[in-house]
Amino acid sequence: MALRDPHVEGSWGYCPFLLITGRPCGGCGGLRAVNDLAHGQVVAALSSNVLAVVLLVSAVVAWIVWVGRRARGRDVPLVRVTPARLIGVTAVFLVFTVVRNTPWGAWLAP
């Protein structure tokens, strides 16, 4: 079975937002970023999608903190999902999408 390379256009499908608007959404390049991180290519990952890298690092840190708390016997959830956090994450995603599609944020585009 052959593995798919996320750097090959269309190997994992296409982003509907990109197809409709011709502009990358906040998630475009995320799969390439994770693939690059898995291969130890941090600069390439940041170039593909800096937000995906930040979210992945945040998730790993949250998991490590959670494991430490669980090891000490504390029964805590991995993440507390609140309306404020959902709004915050959505706002960051939308702002990132807008900024990467402007001239001053063009360096964020995949």
C-alpha atoms as a PDB file:
ATOM      1  CA  MET A   1       0.000   0.000   0.000  1.00  0.00           C
ATOM      2  CA  ALA A   2       1.456   3.356  -1.021  1.00  0.00           C
ATOM      3  CA  LEU A   3       1.415   6.254   1.409  1.00  0.00           C
ATOM      4  CA  ARG A   4       0.044   9.594   0.301  1.00  0.00           C
ATOM      5  CA  ASP A   5       2.350  12.590   0.346  1.00  0.00           C
ATOM      6  CA  PRO A   6       0.521  15.717   1.554  1.00  0.00           C
ATOM      7  CA  HIS A   7       2.967  17.817  -0.478  1.00  0.00           C
ATOM      8  CA  VAL A   8       1.469  16.429  -3.703  1.00  0.00           C
ATOM      9  CA  GLU A   9      -1.477  18.592  -4.711  1.00  0.00           C
ATOM     10  CA  GLY A  10      -4.775  16.731  -4.428  1.00  0.00           C
ATOM     11  CA  SER A  11      -3.339  13.628  -2.772  1.00  0.00           C
ATOM     12  CA  TRP A  12      -5.691  14.128   0.190  1.00  0.00           C
ATOM     13  CA  GLY A  13      -8.455  15.975  -1.634  1.00  0.00           C
ATOM     14  CA  TYR A  14      -9.040  19.691  -1.897  1.00  0.00           C
ATOM     15  CA  CYS A  15     -10.115  22.405   0.520  1.00  0.00           C
ATOM     16  CA  PRO A  16     -13.644  23.590  -0.388  1.00  0.00           C
ATOM     17  CA  PHE A  17     -12.829  27.137   0.764  1.00  0.00           C
ATOM     18  CA  LEU A  18      -9.754  27.207  -1.477  1.00  0.00           C
ATOM     19  CA  LEU A  19     -11.699  25.823  -4.438  1.00  0.00           C
ATOM     20  CA  ILE A  20     -14.483  28.410  -4.065  1.00  0.00           C
ATOM     21  CA  THR A  21     -12.428  31.500  -3.205  1.00  0.00           C
ATOM     22  CA  GLY A  22      -8.966  30.720  -4.539  1.00  0.00           C
ATOM     23  CA  ARG A  23      -7.613  31.682  -1.100  1.00  0.00           C
ATOM     24  CA  PRO A  24      -6.281  29.344   1.610  1.00  0.00           C
ATOM     25  CA  CYS A  25      -8.354  28.910   4.758  1.00  0.00           C
ATOM     26  CA  GLY A  26      -6.790  28.809   8.219  1.00  0.00           C
ATOM     27  CA  GLY A  27      -6.437  25.038   7.996  1.00  0.00           C
ATOM     28  CA  CYS A  28      -4.788  24.873   4.576  1.00  0.00           C
ATOM     29  CA  GLY A  29      -1.294  23.474   4.955  1.00  0.00           C
ATOM     30  CA  GLY A  30      -2.076  21.860   8.308  1.00  0.00           C
ATOM     31  CA  LEU A  31      -1.613  18.300   7.077  1.00  0.00           C
ATOM     32  CA  ARG A  32       1.678  19.250   5.419  1.00  0.00           C
ATOM     33  CA  ALA A  33       2.761  20.923   8.691  1.00  0.00           C
ATOM     34  CA  VAL A  34       2.034  17.798  10.751  1.00  0.00           C
ATOM     35  CA  ASN A  35       3.817  15.637   8.166  1.00  0.00           C
ATOM     36  CA  ASP A  36       6.846  17.941   8.243  1.00  0.00           C
ATOM     37  CA  LEU A  37       6.914  17.870  12.056  1.00  0.00           C
ATOM     38  CA  ALA A  38       6.775  14.074  11.985  1.00  0.00           C
ATOM     39  CA  HIS A  39       9.879  14.162   9.791  1.00  0.00           C
ATOM     40  CA  GLY A  40      11.677  16.671  12.052  1.00  0.00           C
ATOM     41  CA  GLN A  41      11.387  19.567   9.606  1.00  0.00           C
ATOM     42  CA  VAL A  42      10.238  22.346  11.943  1.00  0.00           C
ATOM     43  CA  VAL A  43      10.944  25.256   9.572  1.00  0.00           C
ATOM     44  CA  ALA A  44       9.036  23.560   6.747  1.00  0.00           C
ATOM     45  CA  ALA A  45       6.136  22.894   9.138  1.00  0.00           C
ATOM     46  CA  LEU A  46       6.024  26.539  10.206  1.00  0.00           C
ATOM     47  CA  SER A  47       6.091  27.528   6.549  1.00  0.00           C
ATOM     48  CA  SER A  48       3.124  25.270   5.771  1.00  0.00           C
ATOM     49  CA  ASN A  49       0.866  26.397   8.625  1.00  0.00           C
ATOM     50  CA  VAL A  50       2.172  28.170  11.703  1.00  0.00           C
ATOM     51  CA  LEU A  51      -1.232  27.966  13.429  1.00  0.00           C
ATOM     52  CA  ALA A  52      -1.331  24.176  13.069  1.00  0.00           C
ATOM     53  CA  VAL A  53       2.138  23.942  14.620  1.00  0.00           C
ATOM     54  CA  VAL A  54       1.136  26.169  17.553  1.00  0.00           C
ATOM     55  CA  LEU A  55      -2.063  24.167  18.108  1.00  0.00           C
ATOM     56  CA  LEU A  56      -0.208  20.859  17.943  1.00  0.00           C
ATOM     57  CA  VAL A  57       2.455  22.015  20.409  1.00  0.00           C
ATOM     58  CA  SER A  58      -0.289  23.357  22.699  1.00  0.00           C
ATOM     59  CA  ALA A  59      -2.121  20.024  22.537  1.00  0.00           C
ATOM     60  CA  VAL A  60       1.057  18.103  23.404  1.00  0.00           C
ATOM     61  CA  VAL A  61       1.792  20.418  26.350  1.00  0.00           C
ATOM     62  CA  ALA A  62      -1.817  20.109  27.580  1.00  0.00           C
ATOM     63  CA  TRP A  63      -1.574  16.333  27.352  1.00  0.00           C
ATOM     64  CA  ILE A  64       1.710  16.254  29.301  1.00  0.00           C
ATOM     65  CA  VAL A  65       0.209  18.463  32.034  1.00  0.00           C
ATOM     66  CA  TRP A  66      -2.886  16.255  32.152  1.00  0.00           C
ATOM     67  CA  VAL A  67      -0.802  13.063  32.440  1.00  0.00           C
ATOM     68  CA  GLY A  68       1.174  14.641  35.285  1.00  0.00           C
ATOM     69  CA  ARG A  69      -2.001  15.577  37.142  1.00  0.00           C
ATOM     70  CA  ARG A  70      -3.509  12.130  36.605  1.00  0.00           C
ATOM     71  CA  ALA A  71      -0.280  10.517  37.846  1.00  0.00           C
ATOM     72  CA  ARG A  72      -0.660  12.496  41.091  1.00  0.00           C
ATOM     73  CA  GLY A  73      -4.181  11.114  41.483  1.00  0.00           C
ATOM     74  CA  ARG A  74      -6.182  14.158  40.415  1.00  0.00           C
ATOM     75  CA  ASP A  75      -9.292  13.353  38.405  1.00  0.00           C
ATOM     76  CA  VAL A  76      -9.330  16.228  35.922  1.00  0.00           C
ATOM     77  CA  PRO A  77     -10.565  16.412  32.331  1.00  0.00           C
ATOM     78  CA  LEU A  78      -7.995  16.798  29.568  1.00  0.00           C
ATOM     79  CA  VAL A  79      -9.578  20.038  28.360  1.00  0.00           C
ATOM     80  CA  ARG A  80     -12.418  22.061  29.813  1.00  0.00           C
ATOM     81  CA  VAL A  81     -14.540  23.173  26.883  1.00  0.00           C
ATOM     82  CA  THR A  82     -16.327  26.417  27.694  1.00  0.00           C
ATOM     83  CA  PRO A  83     -18.243  28.792  25.441  1.00  0.00           C
ATOM     84  CA  ALA A  84     -15.550  31.432  25.954  1.00  0.00           C
ATOM     85  CA  ARG A  85     -12.799  29.043  24.834  1.00  0.00           C
ATOM     86  CA  LEU A  86     -14.788  27.950  21.778  1.00  0.00           C
ATOM     87  CA  ILE A  87     -15.346  31.576  20.803  1.00  0.00           C
ATOM     88  CA  GLY A  88     -11.671  32.351  21.390  1.00  0.00           C
ATOM     89  CA  VAL A  89     -10.407  29.462  19.260  1.00  0.00           C
ATOM     90  CA  THR A  90     -12.894  30.303  16.499  1.00  0.00           C
ATOM     91  CA  ALA A  91     -11.849  33.962  16.573  1.00  0.00           C
ATOM     92  CA  VAL A  92      -8.143  33.067  16.344  1.00  0.00           C
ATOM     93  CA  PHE A  93      -8.861  30.748  13.397  1.00  0.00           C
ATOM     94  CA  LEU A  94     -10.890  33.415  11.576  1.00  0.00           C
ATOM     95  CA  VAL A  95      -8.332  36.154  12.209  1.00  0.00           C
ATOM     96  CA  PHE A  96      -5.538  33.861  11.022  1.00  0.00           C
ATOM     97  CA  THR A  97      -7.526  33.090   7.856  1.00  0.00           C
ATOM     98  CA  VAL A  98      -8.068  36.786   7.124  1.00  0.00           C
ATOM     99  CA  VAL A  99      -4.499  37.843   7.918  1.00  0.00           C
ATOM    100  CA  ARG A 100      -2.879  35.122   5.782  1.00  0.00           C
ATOM    101  CA  ASN A 101      -4.958  36.373   2.826  1.00  0.00           C
ATOM    102  CA  THR A 102      -3.838  40.003   3.092  1.00  0.00           C
ATOM    103  CA  PRO A 103      -0.657  41.533   1.654  1.00  0.00           C
ATOM    104  CA  TRP A 104       0.968  42.034   5.082  1.00  0.00           C
ATOM    105  CA  GLY A 105       0.217  38.427   6.084  1.00  0.00           C
ATOM    106  CA  ALA A 106       1.161  36.806   2.769  1.00  0.00           C
ATOM    107  CA  TRP A 107       4.161  35.157   4.464  1.00  0.00           C
ATOM    108  CA  LEU A 108       1.645  33.034   6.429  1.00  0.00           C
ATOM    109  CA  ALA A 109       0.127  31.518   3.275  1.00  0.00           C
ATOM    110  CA  PRO A 110       1.070  27.900   2.562  1.00  0.00           C
END
